[in-house]
Amino acid sequence: MEVRSIYKYARISPFKAREVTREIQGLPVSAALDLLAFTPKKAAFLINKTLKSAIANAENNANLKPDGLVVKEATVGEGPTLKRIMARARGSASRILKRTSHIRIVLSDEIPIETRETRKAKQEQEKKAAMRSEAAKGAAVESEQKPRKKKTKKSNK
């Protein structure tokens, strides 16, 4: 089952917030909370708040346990931009764009939780399978090739 939480009109640029949301996608909830707690960015605080809200939604509305949840999707959309003016030289003005964003987090219990150990074991199996297939291809190529005659240079005398 999927549970979601949306933080609308967050006072941060979507570009800055996306940097943090990319890091937590696909992680178990506990790992995502740890990562956000030790990330020294303003976006991490806002995303942490949204993630905790999604966990509370899962517990209260869907009767799910937080230890089985995985961050399925973490996206940041662009919200409305506040336009402000800053005075400049000779009585002119320049525009300041104060951007806002909508942070959306979707949690799911259907995705299997992947730990470092299982990920490493999976990568090693893939490497072994690749090595075996390359060895089989190499043996097939060698058996197909016929020995070639060496060409000798003819001298012009």
N, C-alpha and C. Protein backbone atom coordinates (compact mmCIF):
# COMPACT_ATOMS: atom_id res chain seq x y z
N MET A 1 0.83 -1.18 0.00
CA MET A 1 0.00 0.00 0.00
C MET A 1 0.89 1.25 0.00
N GLU A 2 0.42 2.26 -0.67
CA GLU A 2 1.18 3.50 -0.75
C GLU A 2 0.57 4.58 0.14
N VAL A 3 1.45 5.32 0.79
CA VAL A 3 1.04 6.43 1.65
C VAL A 3 1.85 7.65 1.20
N ARG A 4 1.22 8.83 1.20
CA ARG A 4 1.94 10.00 0.73
C ARG A 4 1.73 11.18 1.67
N SER A 5 2.65 12.12 1.53
CA SER A 5 2.58 13.36 2.28
C SER A 5 3.13 14.47 1.39
N ILE A 6 2.47 15.63 1.42
CA ILE A 6 2.89 16.76 0.58
C ILE A 6 3.08 18.00 1.45
N TYR A 7 4.23 18.63 1.28
CA TYR A 7 4.51 19.90 1.95
C TYR A 7 4.43 20.96 0.87
N LYS A 8 3.37 21.76 0.90
CA LYS A 8 3.18 22.78 -0.13
C LYS A 8 3.76 24.12 0.29
N TYR A 9 4.19 24.87 -0.69
CA TYR A 9 4.70 26.24 -0.51
C TYR A 9 5.91 26.30 0.43
N ALA A 10 6.78 25.32 0.37
CA ALA A 10 8.01 25.34 1.17
C ALA A 10 8.90 26.45 0.64
N ARG A 11 9.45 27.27 1.53
CA ARG A 11 10.25 28.43 1.12
C ARG A 11 11.70 28.03 0.82
N ILE A 12 11.84 27.26 -0.22
CA ILE A 12 13.17 26.87 -0.69
C ILE A 12 13.08 26.63 -2.20
N SER A 13 14.16 26.87 -2.87
CA SER A 13 14.21 26.65 -4.31
C SER A 13 14.08 25.15 -4.61
N PRO A 14 13.30 24.78 -5.61
CA PRO A 14 13.16 23.36 -5.94
C PRO A 14 14.49 22.72 -6.33
N PHE A 15 15.35 23.50 -6.97
CA PHE A 15 16.67 22.98 -7.38
C PHE A 15 17.47 22.51 -6.17
N LYS A 16 17.43 23.30 -5.09
CA LYS A 16 18.18 22.96 -3.87
C LYS A 16 17.55 21.77 -3.15
N ALA A 17 16.23 21.67 -3.19
CA ALA A 17 15.55 20.59 -2.48
C ALA A 17 15.70 19.26 -3.23
N ARG A 18 15.74 19.30 -4.54
CA ARG A 18 15.87 18.07 -5.33
C ARG A 18 17.17 17.35 -5.05
N GLU A 19 18.20 18.11 -4.74
CA GLU A 19 19.51 17.53 -4.43
C GLU A 19 19.41 16.55 -3.26
N VAL A 20 18.59 16.88 -2.28
CA VAL A 20 18.45 16.04 -1.09
C VAL A 20 17.47 14.89 -1.35
N THR A 21 16.39 15.16 -2.08
CA THR A 21 15.40 14.10 -2.31
C THR A 21 15.96 12.96 -3.17
N ARG A 22 16.89 13.28 -4.06
CA ARG A 22 17.52 12.22 -4.86
C ARG A 22 18.25 11.21 -3.98
N GLU A 23 18.79 11.69 -2.87
CA GLU A 23 19.58 10.82 -1.99
C GLU A 23 18.72 9.81 -1.23
N ILE A 24 17.47 10.17 -0.91
CA ILE A 24 16.66 9.27 -0.06
C ILE A 24 15.76 8.34 -0.86
N GLN A 25 15.65 8.53 -2.16
CA GLN A 25 14.78 7.67 -2.96
C GLN A 25 15.24 6.22 -2.92
N GLY A 26 14.30 5.32 -2.64
CA GLY A 26 14.60 3.89 -2.63
C GLY A 26 15.16 3.38 -1.32
N LEU A 27 15.39 4.25 -0.35
CA LEU A 27 15.93 3.83 0.94
C LEU A 27 14.82 3.41 1.89
N PRO A 28 15.12 2.52 2.85
CA PRO A 28 14.16 2.26 3.91
C PRO A 28 13.97 3.53 4.75
N VAL A 29 12.83 3.62 5.41
CA VAL A 29 12.49 4.84 6.14
C VAL A 29 13.52 5.17 7.21
N SER A 30 13.98 4.16 7.94
CA SER A 30 14.96 4.42 9.01
C SER A 30 16.27 4.98 8.46
N ALA A 31 16.72 4.43 7.34
CA ALA A 31 17.96 4.92 6.71
C ALA A 31 17.77 6.33 6.18
N ALA A 32 16.60 6.61 5.62
CA ALA A 32 16.32 7.95 5.08
C ALA A 32 16.30 8.99 6.21
N LEU A 33 15.71 8.63 7.35
CA LEU A 33 15.69 9.56 8.50
C LEU A 33 17.09 9.84 9.01
N ASP A 34 17.93 8.79 9.07
CA ASP A 34 19.31 8.96 9.50
C ASP A 34 20.08 9.88 8.55
N LEU A 35 19.91 9.65 7.26
CA LEU A 35 20.61 10.45 6.26
C LEU A 35 20.20 11.91 6.35
N LEU A 36 18.90 12.16 6.52
CA LEU A 36 18.41 13.53 6.60
C LEU A 36 18.87 14.22 7.89
N ALA A 37 18.99 13.45 8.97
CA ALA A 37 19.40 14.04 10.25
C ALA A 37 20.84 14.57 10.18
N PHE A 38 21.67 13.95 9.35
CA PHE A 38 23.07 14.35 9.28
C PHE A 38 23.43 15.10 8.00
N THR A 39 22.43 15.56 7.27
CA THR A 39 22.68 16.36 6.07
C THR A 39 22.59 17.84 6.46
N PRO A 40 23.66 18.60 6.29
CA PRO A 40 23.66 20.01 6.74
C PRO A 40 23.07 20.98 5.73
N LYS A 41 21.81 20.78 5.37
CA LYS A 41 21.15 21.67 4.42
C LYS A 41 19.77 22.02 4.94
N LYS A 42 19.27 23.17 4.54
CA LYS A 42 17.93 23.58 4.95
C LYS A 42 16.89 22.62 4.37
N ALA A 43 17.12 22.16 3.15
CA ALA A 43 16.18 21.25 2.49
C ALA A 43 16.02 19.95 3.29
N ALA A 44 17.09 19.49 3.92
CA ALA A 44 17.03 18.25 4.69
C ALA A 44 16.03 18.37 5.83
N PHE A 45 15.99 19.52 6.49
CA PHE A 45 15.05 19.75 7.59
C PHE A 45 13.61 19.69 7.07
N LEU A 46 13.34 20.35 5.95
CA LEU A 46 11.99 20.38 5.39
C LEU A 46 11.55 19.01 4.90
N ILE A 47 12.45 18.27 4.27
CA ILE A 47 12.13 16.95 3.76
C ILE A 47 11.95 15.97 4.92
N ASN A 48 12.75 16.14 5.98
CA ASN A 48 12.61 15.31 7.18
C ASN A 48 11.22 15.49 7.78
N LYS A 49 10.77 16.73 7.83
CA LYS A 49 9.44 17.05 8.34
C LYS A 49 8.35 16.35 7.51
N THR A 50 8.49 16.39 6.21
CA THR A 50 7.53 15.77 5.30
C THR A 50 7.56 14.24 5.43
N LEU A 51 8.76 13.68 5.57
CA LEU A 51 8.90 12.23 5.72
C LEU A 51 8.26 11.75 7.02
N LYS A 52 8.47 12.50 8.09
CA LYS A 52 7.84 12.13 9.37
C LYS A 52 6.32 12.20 9.26
N SER A 53 5.81 13.17 8.52
CA SER A 53 4.37 13.28 8.31
C SER A 53 3.85 12.07 7.53
N ALA A 54 4.60 11.62 6.52
CA ALA A 54 4.19 10.45 5.73
C ALA A 54 4.20 9.18 6.60
N ILE A 55 5.18 9.08 7.50
CA ILE A 55 5.24 7.93 8.41
C ILE A 55 4.04 7.94 9.34
N ALA A 56 3.69 9.11 9.86
CA ALA A 56 2.52 9.23 10.74
C ALA A 56 1.25 8.88 9.98
N ASN A 57 1.15 9.29 8.73
CA ASN A 57 0.00 8.93 7.90
C ASN A 57 -0.10 7.41 7.73
N ALA A 58 1.05 6.77 7.54
CA ALA A 58 1.07 5.32 7.35
C ALA A 58 0.61 4.60 8.62
N GLU A 59 1.07 5.09 9.77
CA GLU A 59 0.70 4.45 11.03
C GLU A 59 -0.77 4.66 11.37
N ASN A 60 -1.25 5.90 11.25
CA ASN A 60 -2.59 6.23 11.70
C ASN A 60 -3.68 5.91 10.67
N ASN A 61 -3.43 6.18 9.42
CA ASN A 61 -4.48 6.02 8.41
C ASN A 61 -4.49 4.63 7.77
N ALA A 62 -3.30 4.03 7.58
CA ALA A 62 -3.22 2.75 6.86
C ALA A 62 -2.82 1.59 7.76
N ASN A 63 -2.59 1.83 9.05
CA ASN A 63 -2.19 0.78 10.01
C ASN A 63 -0.96 0.01 9.54
N LEU A 64 0.04 0.72 9.06
CA LEU A 64 1.30 0.10 8.62
C LEU A 64 2.39 0.37 9.66
N LYS A 65 3.33 -0.56 9.75
CA LYS A 65 4.46 -0.37 10.66
C LYS A 65 5.58 0.35 9.92
N PRO A 66 6.20 1.34 10.55
CA PRO A 66 7.22 2.14 9.85
C PRO A 66 8.48 1.37 9.49
N ASP A 67 8.80 0.28 10.19
CA ASP A 67 10.04 -0.44 9.89
C ASP A 67 9.96 -1.23 8.57
N GLY A 68 8.76 -1.41 8.00
CA GLY A 68 8.62 -2.11 6.73
C GLY A 68 8.42 -1.18 5.55
N LEU A 69 8.54 0.11 5.77
CA LEU A 69 8.27 1.08 4.70
C LEU A 69 9.55 1.49 3.97
N VAL A 70 9.37 1.79 2.69
CA VAL A 70 10.47 2.24 1.84
C VAL A 70 10.02 3.52 1.13
N VAL A 71 10.95 4.45 0.95
CA VAL A 71 10.65 5.69 0.22
C VAL A 71 10.59 5.33 -1.27
N LYS A 72 9.37 5.22 -1.77
CA LYS A 72 9.18 4.84 -3.17
C LYS A 72 9.47 6.01 -4.09
N GLU A 73 9.02 7.18 -3.69
CA GLU A 73 9.14 8.36 -4.56
C GLU A 73 9.33 9.59 -3.69
N ALA A 74 10.26 10.43 -4.03
CA ALA A 74 10.47 11.71 -3.35
C ALA A 74 10.70 12.75 -4.44
N THR A 75 9.70 13.58 -4.67
CA THR A 75 9.79 14.56 -5.75
C THR A 75 9.60 15.96 -5.21
N VAL A 76 10.16 16.91 -5.92
CA VAL A 76 10.01 18.32 -5.56
C VAL A 76 9.52 19.05 -6.80
N GLY A 77 8.34 19.64 -6.68
CA GLY A 77 7.77 20.41 -7.78
C GLY A 77 7.91 21.89 -7.51
N GLU A 78 7.72 22.67 -8.55
CA GLU A 78 7.87 24.11 -8.41
C GLU A 78 6.55 24.73 -7.94
N GLY A 79 6.63 25.56 -6.91
CA GLY A 79 5.47 26.28 -6.42
C GLY A 79 5.45 27.69 -7.00
N PRO A 80 4.55 28.52 -6.51
CA PRO A 80 4.51 29.90 -7.01
C PRO A 80 5.76 30.68 -6.58
N THR A 81 6.16 31.62 -7.41
CA THR A 81 7.35 32.43 -7.14
C THR A 81 6.91 33.80 -6.65
N LEU A 82 7.50 34.23 -5.52
CA LEU A 82 7.22 35.56 -4.99
C LEU A 82 8.18 36.54 -5.68
N LYS A 83 7.62 37.60 -6.25
CA LYS A 83 8.45 38.58 -6.94
C LYS A 83 8.66 39.80 -6.05
N ARG A 84 9.92 40.12 -5.81
CA ARG A 84 10.26 41.26 -4.98
C ARG A 84 11.18 42.19 -5.76
N ILE A 85 11.33 43.41 -5.27
CA ILE A 85 12.15 44.40 -5.97
C ILE A 85 13.27 44.88 -5.06
N MET A 86 14.46 45.03 -5.64
CA MET A 86 15.59 45.57 -4.91
C MET A 86 16.06 46.84 -5.62
N ALA A 87 16.26 47.90 -4.87
CA ALA A 87 16.68 49.18 -5.45
C ALA A 87 18.10 49.06 -5.99
N ARG A 88 18.32 49.70 -7.14
CA ARG A 88 19.63 49.69 -7.77
C ARG A 88 20.07 51.12 -8.06
N ALA A 89 21.16 51.26 -8.74
CA ALA A 89 21.74 52.58 -9.02
C ALA A 89 20.85 53.40 -9.94
N ARG A 90 20.94 54.73 -9.78
CA ARG A 90 20.25 55.70 -10.62
C ARG A 90 18.73 55.54 -10.59
N GLY A 91 18.19 55.11 -9.49
CA GLY A 91 16.74 55.02 -9.34
C GLY A 91 16.09 53.85 -10.05
N SER A 92 16.90 52.93 -10.54
CA SER A 92 16.32 51.75 -11.20
C SER A 92 16.09 50.66 -10.17
N ALA A 93 15.51 49.56 -10.61
CA ALA A 93 15.23 48.45 -9.70
C ALA A 93 15.46 47.14 -10.44
N SER A 94 15.77 46.12 -9.67
CA SER A 94 15.91 44.79 -10.27
C SER A 94 15.01 43.83 -9.50
N ARG A 95 14.64 42.79 -10.16
CA ARG A 95 13.71 41.84 -9.59
C ARG A 95 14.43 40.75 -8.80
N ILE A 96 13.86 40.36 -7.68
CA ILE A 96 14.35 39.22 -6.91
C ILE A 96 13.24 38.18 -6.94
N LEU A 97 13.59 36.96 -7.34
CA LEU A 97 12.61 35.87 -7.39
C LEU A 97 12.80 34.99 -6.17
N LYS A 98 11.80 34.95 -5.32
CA LYS A 98 11.84 34.08 -4.13
C LYS A 98 11.01 32.85 -4.46
N ARG A 99 11.70 31.77 -4.74
CA ARG A 99 11.04 30.57 -5.23
C ARG A 99 10.48 29.72 -4.08
N THR A 100 9.39 29.02 -4.37
CA THR A 100 8.81 28.07 -3.41
C THR A 100 8.71 26.72 -4.10
N SER A 101 8.50 25.69 -3.31
CA SER A 101 8.41 24.36 -3.88
C SER A 101 7.39 23.51 -3.14
N HIS A 102 6.93 22.46 -3.80
CA HIS A 102 6.02 21.49 -3.22
C HIS A 102 6.79 20.18 -3.10
N ILE A 103 6.99 19.71 -1.86
CA ILE A 103 7.74 18.47 -1.61
C ILE A 103 6.73 17.34 -1.44
N ARG A 104 6.89 16.29 -2.23
CA ARG A 104 5.96 15.15 -2.20
C ARG A 104 6.74 13.88 -1.95
N ILE A 105 6.33 13.13 -0.89
CA ILE A 105 7.00 11.88 -0.54
C ILE A 105 5.96 10.76 -0.53
N VAL A 106 6.26 9.67 -1.22
CA VAL A 106 5.39 8.50 -1.28
C VAL A 106 6.13 7.33 -0.65
N LEU A 107 5.51 6.71 0.35
CA LEU A 107 6.07 5.53 1.01
C LEU A 107 5.29 4.30 0.58
N SER A 108 5.98 3.17 0.51
CA SER A 108 5.32 1.93 0.11
C SER A 108 5.87 0.77 0.93
N ASP A 109 5.01 -0.22 1.16
CA ASP A 109 5.47 -1.43 1.86
C ASP A 109 5.60 -2.59 0.89
N GLU A 110 5.35 -2.36 -0.40
CA GLU A 110 5.40 -3.42 -1.40
C GLU A 110 6.81 -3.65 -1.94
N ILE A 111 7.68 -2.67 -1.82
CA ILE A 111 9.04 -2.78 -2.33
C ILE A 111 9.88 -3.51 -1.29
N PRO A 112 10.65 -4.53 -1.68
CA PRO A 112 11.51 -5.21 -0.70
C PRO A 112 12.63 -4.29 -0.22
N ILE A 113 12.92 -4.35 1.06
CA ILE A 113 13.96 -3.51 1.64
C ILE A 113 15.32 -4.08 1.27
N GLU A 114 16.17 -3.25 0.70
CA GLU A 114 17.49 -3.66 0.26
C GLU A 114 18.54 -3.10 1.20
N THR A 115 19.31 -3.97 1.81
CA THR A 115 20.40 -3.52 2.69
C THR A 115 21.71 -3.54 1.90
N ARG A 116 22.76 -3.04 2.51
CA ARG A 116 24.06 -3.02 1.83
C ARG A 116 24.54 -4.44 1.53
N GLU A 117 24.33 -5.35 2.48
CA GLU A 117 24.81 -6.73 2.32
C GLU A 117 24.11 -7.41 1.15
N THR A 118 22.78 -7.26 1.07
CA THR A 118 22.06 -7.89 -0.04
C THR A 118 22.44 -7.26 -1.37
N ARG A 119 22.66 -5.95 -1.38
CA ARG A 119 23.06 -5.26 -2.61
C ARG A 119 24.43 -5.74 -3.07
N LYS A 120 25.38 -5.90 -2.12
CA LYS A 120 26.72 -6.37 -2.48
C LYS A 120 26.67 -7.79 -3.01
N ALA A 121 25.90 -8.66 -2.36
CA ALA A 121 25.78 -10.04 -2.80
C ALA A 121 25.19 -10.11 -4.20
N LYS A 122 24.21 -9.28 -4.47
CA LYS A 122 23.58 -9.25 -5.79
C LYS A 122 24.58 -8.80 -6.86
N GLN A 123 25.39 -7.77 -6.55
CA GLN A 123 26.39 -7.28 -7.50
C GLN A 123 27.45 -8.33 -7.78
N GLU A 124 27.88 -9.07 -6.74
CA GLU A 124 28.88 -10.12 -6.93
C GLU A 124 28.34 -11.24 -7.82
N GLN A 125 27.07 -11.60 -7.63
CA GLN A 125 26.47 -12.62 -8.48
C GLN A 125 26.41 -12.16 -9.93
N GLU A 126 26.08 -10.90 -10.14
CA GLU A 126 26.03 -10.36 -11.50
C GLU A 126 27.42 -10.36 -12.14
N LYS A 127 28.46 -10.03 -11.35
CA LYS A 127 29.83 -10.04 -11.87
C LYS A 127 30.23 -11.45 -12.29
N LYS A 128 29.93 -12.45 -11.44
CA LYS A 128 30.27 -13.84 -11.74
C LYS A 128 29.56 -14.30 -13.00
N ALA A 129 28.29 -13.95 -13.14
CA ALA A 129 27.53 -14.34 -14.32
C ALA A 129 28.11 -13.69 -15.57
N ALA A 130 28.54 -12.44 -15.47
CA ALA A 130 29.14 -11.75 -16.61
C ALA A 130 30.47 -12.39 -17.00
N MET A 131 31.26 -12.77 -16.00
CA MET A 131 32.54 -13.43 -16.27
C MET A 131 32.33 -14.76 -16.98
N ARG A 132 31.34 -15.53 -16.54
CA ARG A 132 31.05 -16.84 -17.16
C ARG A 132 30.61 -16.66 -18.60
N SER A 133 29.75 -15.68 -18.84
CA SER A 133 29.26 -15.47 -20.22
C SER A 133 30.40 -15.00 -21.13
N GLU A 134 31.30 -14.15 -20.62
CA GLU A 134 32.44 -13.70 -21.42
C GLU A 134 33.38 -14.85 -21.72
N ALA A 135 33.59 -15.74 -20.74
CA ALA A 135 34.46 -16.90 -20.96
C ALA A 135 33.85 -17.82 -22.01
N ALA A 136 32.55 -18.01 -21.97
CA ALA A 136 31.88 -18.85 -22.95
C ALA A 136 31.98 -18.24 -24.34
N LYS A 137 31.81 -16.93 -24.44
CA LYS A 137 31.91 -16.25 -25.73
C LYS A 137 33.33 -16.35 -26.28
N GLY A 138 34.32 -16.19 -25.42
CA GLY A 138 35.72 -16.26 -25.84
C GLY A 138 36.08 -17.63 -26.37
N ALA A 139 35.57 -18.70 -25.72
CA ALA A 139 35.85 -20.05 -26.17
C ALA A 139 35.18 -20.31 -27.52
N ALA A 140 33.97 -19.79 -27.72
CA ALA A 140 33.25 -19.98 -28.98
C ALA A 140 33.97 -19.25 -30.12
N VAL A 141 34.48 -18.07 -29.85
CA VAL A 141 35.17 -17.29 -30.88
C VAL A 141 36.47 -17.96 -31.29
N GLU A 142 37.22 -18.51 -30.33
CA GLU A 142 38.48 -19.17 -30.64
C GLU A 142 38.28 -20.42 -31.48
N SER A 143 37.20 -21.17 -31.22
CA SER A 143 36.96 -22.39 -31.98
C SER A 143 36.53 -22.07 -33.41
N GLU A 144 35.90 -20.93 -33.64
CA GLU A 144 35.44 -20.54 -34.98
C GLU A 144 36.59 -20.04 -35.85
N GLN A 145 37.59 -19.43 -35.28
CA GLN A 145 38.68 -18.84 -36.05
C GLN A 145 39.62 -19.94 -36.57
N LYS A 146 40.00 -19.80 -37.85
CA LYS A 146 40.94 -20.75 -38.45
C LYS A 146 42.34 -20.15 -38.39
N PRO A 147 43.33 -20.98 -38.30
CA PRO A 147 44.69 -20.44 -38.28
C PRO A 147 45.02 -19.77 -39.63
N ARG A 148 45.65 -18.63 -39.58
CA ARG A 148 45.98 -17.88 -40.79
C ARG A 148 47.43 -18.13 -41.18
N LYS A 149 47.65 -18.04 -42.48
CA LYS A 149 49.01 -18.18 -42.98
C LYS A 149 49.72 -16.85 -42.85
N LYS A 150 50.96 -16.90 -42.49
CA LYS A 150 51.73 -15.67 -42.35
C LYS A 150 52.14 -15.18 -43.74
N LYS A 151 52.01 -13.89 -43.90
CA LYS A 151 52.41 -13.29 -45.18
C LYS A 151 53.88 -12.91 -45.09
N THR A 152 54.56 -13.19 -46.16
CA THR A 152 55.98 -12.85 -46.21
C THR A 152 56.16 -11.69 -47.19
N LYS A 153 57.13 -10.86 -46.91
CA LYS A 153 57.41 -9.74 -47.78
C LYS A 153 58.29 -10.18 -48.95
N LYS A 154 57.90 -9.71 -50.11
CA LYS A 154 58.70 -10.01 -51.29
C LYS A 154 59.63 -8.82 -51.52
N SER A 155 60.84 -9.12 -51.70
CA SER A 155 61.80 -8.03 -51.91
C SER A 155 61.94 -7.76 -53.42
N ASN A 156 62.10 -6.55 -53.76
CA ASN A 156 62.25 -6.15 -55.16
C ASN A 156 63.71 -6.03 -55.48
N LYS A 157 64.27 -7.08 -56.10
CA LYS A 157 65.68 -7.05 -56.48
C LYS A 157 65.84 -7.28 -57.94
